[in-house]
C-alpha cells in the first residue's frame, strides 16, 4: 500500500493546481476561493504566499517559458508582471455566469483551459486552446460543459485528457502537435457514481492517467485503455489535483479542499485543505510552460 502523508497542514478553502519547479525545489499551488498563489519549499518546509493582484477568485495558473505566471479566472486569461500586476491577455467569454477553471499546457506550450458555470448547473462552459507563439490566437474546441477540469497530456502530447466533473466522465482528444489540429471528443472512462467526481489530473512517464476523485477520498490511476490500475486512498474527502515532482520526479503531490464540508466531516477529516505527498513507485513528467 502506498502511504499518503500530509506535507503541509493548512485549511485551504479550495486548494488546486500544484506545479513542481525543480530550479527552486518548490511546489507552487493555489487556493481558488481564498484567492492566493503559494510556494512551498520542500527543503525549508516553508509555505509563502506570492504577492499578486488577483481577482475575487482564481481558476488556474501555469508558468510561461520566460518565468511569468499566467492565471485564469472569471475575467479571462492574464499574466502577472514582476510586480504582481495582472494584465489581461484574452477574454473569449461573453457569458458573465462563466469562469475559467483549471489550466495546463501541452508539450508545444499551448495553453488549455476550460470554463465552468459558476452556479454549477448550466452546460454553458467551453474548452479553449490559446496559442501564444507569434500572434496570440484562441480557439474554442468544445462546449456544453458544466464544470471544466483537469487538462492532462500523454507523454508524447498526442492525447489530451479533460473532464466535465458533473458528467462524471473523462474525455480524450487526438492532437496533432505540429499543426495544432485537435480531433473530436471521445470518452476515455465513465466514472462510477459512488467513486466521486473526477477533478484534477496528471500523466506519469508510463502514460498512465492519475485523477483526483472529489468526494471520493481517493486518487485513481488509469491505464491507457481506461482500466483502473490502482486506487490511492487519501485522508480527506475532496482531493482536487495532482502533479509529480521531487528531485527524482517520483513523488506525487496532492492538493485538497475544505470548501462545503460540514463540521461533522471536518472533524472526521481535519486535514481537509492540506497538501499531501506519496511515492507511488513511478516517475512523472514536468508540466510544460506557456509559449506566449
Protein backbone atom coordinates (compact mmCIF):
# COMPACT_ATOMS: atom_id res chain seq x y z
CA UNK A 1 0.00 0.00 0.00
CA UNK A 2 1.28 3.46 -0.90
CA UNK A 3 1.31 5.75 2.13
CA UNK A 4 -0.17 9.20 1.54
CA UNK A 5 1.35 11.67 4.03
CA UNK A 6 0.46 15.24 4.97
CA UNK A 7 3.13 17.57 3.61
CA UNK A 8 1.64 20.86 4.79
CA UNK A 9 -1.23 21.15 7.23
CA UNK A 10 -3.42 24.05 6.12
CA UNK A 11 -7.16 24.69 5.91
CA UNK A 12 -7.23 25.90 2.30
CA UNK A 13 -10.73 26.58 1.04
CA UNK A 14 -10.14 25.13 -2.42
CA UNK A 15 -6.52 24.11 -2.88
CA UNK A 16 -5.67 23.37 -6.51
CA UNK A 17 -3.18 23.49 -9.36
CA UNK A 18 0.11 22.04 -7.99
CA UNK A 19 3.18 22.76 -10.15
CA UNK A 20 6.67 21.43 -9.38
CA UNK A 21 9.55 23.89 -10.02
CA UNK A 22 12.85 21.92 -9.88
CA UNK A 23 15.08 25.01 -10.04
CA UNK A 24 13.53 26.15 -6.75
CA UNK A 25 12.90 22.76 -5.12
CA UNK A 26 9.41 24.12 -4.58
CA UNK A 27 5.80 23.26 -5.18
CA UNK A 28 3.55 26.08 -6.34
CA UNK A 29 -0.17 25.75 -5.68
CA UNK A 30 -3.24 27.96 -5.44
CA UNK A 31 -6.36 28.49 -3.35
CA UNK A 32 -9.22 29.22 -5.72
CA UNK A 33 -11.77 30.68 -3.29
CA UNK A 34 -9.48 32.47 -0.83
CA UNK A 35 -7.52 33.59 -3.88
CA UNK A 36 -3.80 33.14 -3.39
CA UNK A 37 -0.72 31.68 -5.04
CA UNK A 38 1.56 29.76 -2.68
CA UNK A 39 5.10 28.43 -2.93
CA UNK A 40 6.04 25.51 -0.67
CA UNK A 41 9.80 24.97 -0.29
CA UNK A 42 10.37 21.25 0.29
CA UNK A 43 13.82 21.89 1.80
CA UNK A 44 12.88 24.52 4.40
CA UNK A 45 9.24 23.31 4.66
CA UNK A 46 8.15 26.95 4.46
CA UNK A 47 4.96 27.91 2.65
CA UNK A 48 4.94 31.53 1.45
CA UNK A 49 2.27 33.49 -0.36
CA UNK A 50 3.35 35.01 -3.67
CA UNK A 51 2.42 38.73 -3.83
CA UNK A 52 0.00 39.20 -6.72
CA UNK A 53 -3.04 41.26 -7.63
CA UNK A 54 -5.68 38.57 -8.08
CA UNK A 55 -9.40 38.77 -8.75
CA UNK A 56 -12.15 37.65 -6.39
CA UNK A 57 -11.34 34.05 -7.34
CA UNK A 58 -8.65 32.29 -9.34
CA UNK A 59 -9.32 29.33 -11.62
CA UNK A 60 -5.86 28.08 -12.52
CA UNK A 61 -2.22 29.01 -13.00
CA UNK A 62 0.69 27.96 -15.24
CA UNK A 63 4.17 29.31 -15.82
CA UNK A 64 5.32 30.85 -19.10
CA UNK A 65 8.70 29.98 -20.56
CA UNK A 66 10.09 33.37 -19.51
CA UNK A 67 9.07 32.78 -15.86
CA UNK A 68 5.86 34.84 -15.83
CA UNK A 69 2.79 33.39 -14.15
CA UNK A 70 -0.33 33.04 -16.28
CA UNK A 71 -3.61 32.96 -14.34
CA UNK A 72 -7.18 32.25 -15.46
CA UNK A 73 -10.31 33.44 -13.67
CA UNK A 74 -13.82 34.81 -14.24
CA UNK A 75 -12.42 37.83 -16.09
CA UNK A 76 -10.28 35.92 -18.60
CA UNK A 77 -6.64 34.93 -19.05
CA UNK A 78 -3.98 37.19 -17.54
CA UNK A 79 -0.26 37.33 -16.97
CA UNK A 80 1.38 38.63 -13.82
CA UNK A 81 4.15 41.17 -14.13
CA UNK A 82 7.28 41.14 -11.96
CA UNK A 83 5.43 43.42 -9.53
CA UNK A 84 2.43 41.05 -9.39
CA UNK A 85 0.19 43.29 -11.51
CA UNK A 86 -2.45 41.40 -13.50
CA UNK A 87 -2.56 42.11 -17.27
CA UNK A 88 -5.45 40.83 -19.39
CA UNK A 89 -4.33 38.70 -22.36
CA UNK A 90 -7.63 37.34 -23.71
CA UNK A 91 -11.28 37.01 -22.66
CA UNK A 92 -13.27 34.90 -25.12
CA UNK A 93 -16.30 34.51 -22.83
CA UNK A 94 -19.36 36.72 -23.20
CA UNK A 95 -21.32 34.80 -20.54
CA UNK A 96 -20.90 36.60 -17.20
CA UNK A 97 -22.07 33.45 -15.43
CA UNK A 98 -18.99 31.51 -16.54
CA UNK A 99 -15.44 31.45 -15.17
CA UNK A 100 -12.24 29.76 -16.27
CA UNK A 101 -11.38 26.71 -14.19
CA UNK A 102 -8.11 24.76 -14.32
CA UNK A 103 -5.33 25.20 -16.88
CA UNK A 104 -2.42 23.21 -18.31
CA UNK A 105 -0.04 23.46 -21.27
CA UNK A 106 0.60 20.78 -23.87
CA UNK A 107 4.22 19.91 -24.84
CA UNK A 108 4.23 22.62 -27.54
CA UNK A 109 3.32 25.27 -24.96
CA UNK A 110 -0.30 25.76 -25.98
CA UNK A 111 -2.47 26.72 -23.02
CA UNK A 112 -5.57 24.57 -22.49
CA UNK A 113 -8.25 25.91 -20.15
CA UNK A 114 -11.99 25.47 -19.88
CA UNK A 115 -14.82 27.49 -18.42
CA UNK A 116 -17.45 26.43 -15.92
CA UNK A 117 -20.88 27.65 -14.92
CA UNK A 118 -20.35 29.45 -11.62
CA UNK A 119 -23.73 28.14 -10.43
CA UNK A 120 -22.71 24.60 -11.46
CA UNK A 121 -26.00 23.84 -13.23
CA UNK A 122 -25.84 25.06 -16.85
CA UNK A 123 -23.93 23.40 -19.68
CA UNK A 124 -22.56 26.81 -20.62
CA UNK A 125 -18.82 26.11 -20.36
CA UNK A 126 -16.34 25.62 -23.18
CA UNK A 127 -12.82 24.28 -23.66
CA UNK A 128 -10.26 26.64 -25.21
CA UNK A 129 -6.75 26.37 -26.58
CA UNK A 130 -4.63 29.53 -26.53
CA UNK A 131 -1.54 29.71 -28.70
CA UNK A 132 0.97 32.39 -27.84
CA UNK A 133 3.85 31.88 -30.24
CA UNK A 134 3.92 34.53 -32.94
CA UNK A 135 0.46 36.06 -32.53
CA UNK A 136 -1.91 35.13 -29.72
CA UNK A 137 -4.77 33.02 -31.06
CA UNK A 138 -7.60 31.40 -29.12
CA UNK A 139 -9.75 28.52 -30.32
CA UNK A 140 -12.88 27.03 -28.79
CA UNK A 141 -12.60 23.30 -29.29
CA UNK A 142 -15.53 22.01 -27.22
CA UNK A 143 -18.68 23.25 -25.49
CA UNK A 144 -21.69 22.10 -23.47
CA UNK A 145 -19.65 21.75 -20.26
CA UNK A 146 -20.85 22.37 -16.70
CA UNK A 147 -17.52 22.23 -14.84
CA UNK A 148 -14.24 22.11 -16.78
CA UNK A 149 -11.43 20.29 -15.04
CA UNK A 150 -8.10 18.58 -15.30
CA UNK A 151 -6.40 19.04 -18.64
CA UNK A 152 -3.58 16.50 -18.91
CA UNK A 153 -1.45 15.13 -21.75
CA UNK A 154 0.10 11.82 -22.72
CA UNK A 155 3.93 11.73 -22.67
CA UNK A 156 4.09 12.25 -26.44
CA UNK A 157 1.46 15.00 -26.27
CA UNK A 158 -0.74 13.33 -28.87
CA UNK A 159 -3.59 12.62 -26.47
CA UNK A 160 -5.25 15.30 -24.35
CA UNK A 161 -7.44 14.39 -21.38
CA UNK A 162 -10.19 16.57 -19.98
CA UNK A 163 -13.21 16.14 -17.74
CA UNK A 164 -16.57 17.69 -17.04
CA UNK A 165 -16.71 16.83 -13.34
CA UNK A 166 -20.50 16.85 -13.13
CA UNK A 167 -20.79 14.47 -16.08
CA UNK A 168 -18.54 12.06 -14.12
CA UNK A 169 -16.72 11.28 -17.34
CA UNK A 170 -13.14 11.74 -18.51
CA UNK A 171 -12.75 12.58 -22.19
CA UNK A 172 -9.82 12.43 -24.58
CA UNK A 173 -8.87 14.15 -27.83
CA UNK A 174 -6.35 13.23 -30.51
CA UNK A 175 -3.85 16.06 -31.00
CA UNK A 176 -1.55 16.77 -33.95
CA UNK A 177 1.25 18.58 -32.15
CA UNK A 178 2.80 20.02 -35.29
CA UNK A 179 -0.33 21.53 -36.84
CA UNK A 180 -2.33 22.01 -33.64
CA UNK A 181 -5.32 20.19 -35.11
CA UNK A 182 -7.49 18.57 -32.44
CA UNK A 183 -9.88 15.67 -33.02
CA UNK A 184 -13.42 15.17 -31.78
CA UNK A 185 -14.14 14.45 -28.12
CA UNK A 186 -14.10 10.75 -27.23
CA UNK A 187 -14.99 9.04 -23.96
CA UNK A 188 -11.94 7.76 -22.09
CA UNK A 189 -13.68 6.43 -19.00
CA UNK A 190 -17.08 6.78 -17.36
CA UNK A 191 -16.51 7.07 -13.62
CA UNK A 192 -18.53 5.06 -11.13
CA UNK A 193 -21.21 7.22 -9.43
CA UNK A 194 -20.03 6.11 -5.99
CA UNK A 195 -16.37 6.99 -6.71
CA UNK A 196 -16.83 10.76 -6.50
CA UNK A 197 -16.36 13.37 -9.22
CA UNK A 198 -13.27 13.39 -11.47
CA UNK A 199 -11.19 16.50 -10.84
CA UNK A 200 -7.54 17.46 -11.45
CA UNK A 201 -5.32 15.06 -13.40
CA UNK A 202 -1.75 14.32 -14.47
CA UNK A 203 0.01 11.65 -16.55
CA UNK A 204 3.08 9.70 -15.42
CA UNK A 205 6.11 8.68 -17.50
CA UNK A 206 4.47 5.35 -18.35
CA UNK A 207 1.45 7.08 -19.86
CA UNK A 208 -1.00 6.26 -17.05
CA UNK A 209 -3.51 8.91 -16.01
CA UNK A 210 -3.87 9.91 -12.34
CA UNK A 211 -7.19 11.57 -11.43
CA UNK A 212 -8.40 13.02 -8.13
CA UNK A 213 -11.88 11.98 -7.03
CA UNK A 214 -13.75 14.86 -5.37
CA UNK A 215 -15.99 13.41 -2.63
CA UNK A 216 -14.29 10.06 -3.27
CA UNK A 217 -11.45 10.16 -0.69
CA UNK A 218 -9.12 8.84 -3.38
CA UNK A 219 -6.90 9.24 -6.44
CA UNK A 220 -7.27 6.74 -9.30
CA UNK A 221 -4.57 5.60 -11.74
CA UNK A 222 -5.97 4.62 -15.15
CA UNK A 223 -4.22 2.58 -17.84
CA UNK A 224 -4.18 3.86 -21.42
CA UNK A 225 -7.26 1.75 -22.23
CA UNK A 226 -9.24 3.26 -19.35
CA UNK A 227 -8.94 0.29 -16.99
CA UNK A 228 -8.36 1.11 -13.31
CA UNK A 229 -4.77 0.20 -12.38
CA UNK A 230 -4.97 1.20 -8.71
CA UNK A 231 -6.73 3.49 -6.26
CA UNK A 232 -4.87 5.55 -3.64
CA UNK A 233 -6.84 6.29 -0.51
CA UNK A 234 -6.35 9.80 0.91
CA UNK A 235 -7.38 11.05 4.38
CA UNK A 236 -9.68 13.77 3.05
CA UNK A 237 -12.90 13.54 1.03
CA UNK A 238 -12.03 16.22 -1.52
CA UNK A 239 -8.65 15.77 -3.19
CA UNK A 240 -8.55 18.24 -6.06
CA UNK A 241 -5.42 17.96 -8.19
CA UNK A 242 -2.10 16.15 -8.57
CA UNK A 243 1.36 16.60 -10.04
CA UNK A 244 4.67 14.75 -9.95
CA UNK A 245 7.81 16.33 -8.56
CA UNK A 246 10.69 15.96 -6.16
CA UNK A 247 14.42 15.62 -7.01
CA UNK A 248 13.79 12.32 -8.84
CA UNK A 249 10.29 13.20 -10.11
CA UNK A 250 8.99 10.20 -8.17
CA UNK A 251 6.75 12.00 -5.68
CA UNK A 252 3.06 12.58 -6.25
CA UNK A 253 1.77 15.83 -4.72
CA UNK A 254 -1.96 16.15 -3.96
CA UNK A 255 -3.96 19.29 -3.16
CA UNK A 256 -7.31 19.25 -1.37
CA UNK A 257 -10.33 21.35 -0.37
CA UNK A 258 -12.32 22.10 2.75
CA UNK A 259 -14.98 24.02 0.81
CA UNK A 260 -18.56 22.97 1.55
CA UNK A 261 -17.72 20.34 4.15
CA UNK A 262 -19.88 20.10 7.24
CA UNK A 263 -18.46 20.37 10.74
CA UNK A 264 -19.00 16.63 11.20
CA UNK A 265 -16.97 15.82 8.09
CA UNK A 266 -14.24 18.27 9.10
CA UNK A 267 -13.97 16.52 12.46
CA UNK A 268 -13.61 13.22 10.60
CA UNK A 269 -11.13 14.72 8.10
CA UNK A 270 -9.36 17.59 9.92
CA UNK A 271 -6.60 17.76 7.28
CA UNK A 272 -9.03 18.89 4.58
CA UNK A 273 -7.41 21.72 2.59
CA UNK A 274 -3.88 20.46 3.25
CA UNK A 275 -1.11 19.35 0.88
CA UNK A 276 -0.23 15.65 0.66
CA UNK A 277 2.57 13.59 -0.87
CA UNK A 278 3.36 9.95 -1.60
CA UNK A 279 5.83 7.80 -3.53
CA UNK A 280 3.73 5.63 -5.86
CA UNK A 281 6.68 3.77 -7.42
CA UNK A 282 6.58 5.51 -10.79
CA UNK A 283 8.08 8.76 -12.10
CA UNK A 284 6.20 11.66 -13.59
CA UNK A 285 6.81 14.46 -16.09
CA UNK A 286 7.35 18.16 -15.61
CA UNK A 287 4.43 20.33 -16.65
CA UNK A 288 5.05 22.20 -19.91
CA UNK A 289 5.22 26.00 -19.90
CA UNK A 290 3.22 28.51 -21.95
CA UNK A 291 4.88 29.65 -25.17
CA UNK A 292 3.38 33.14 -25.17
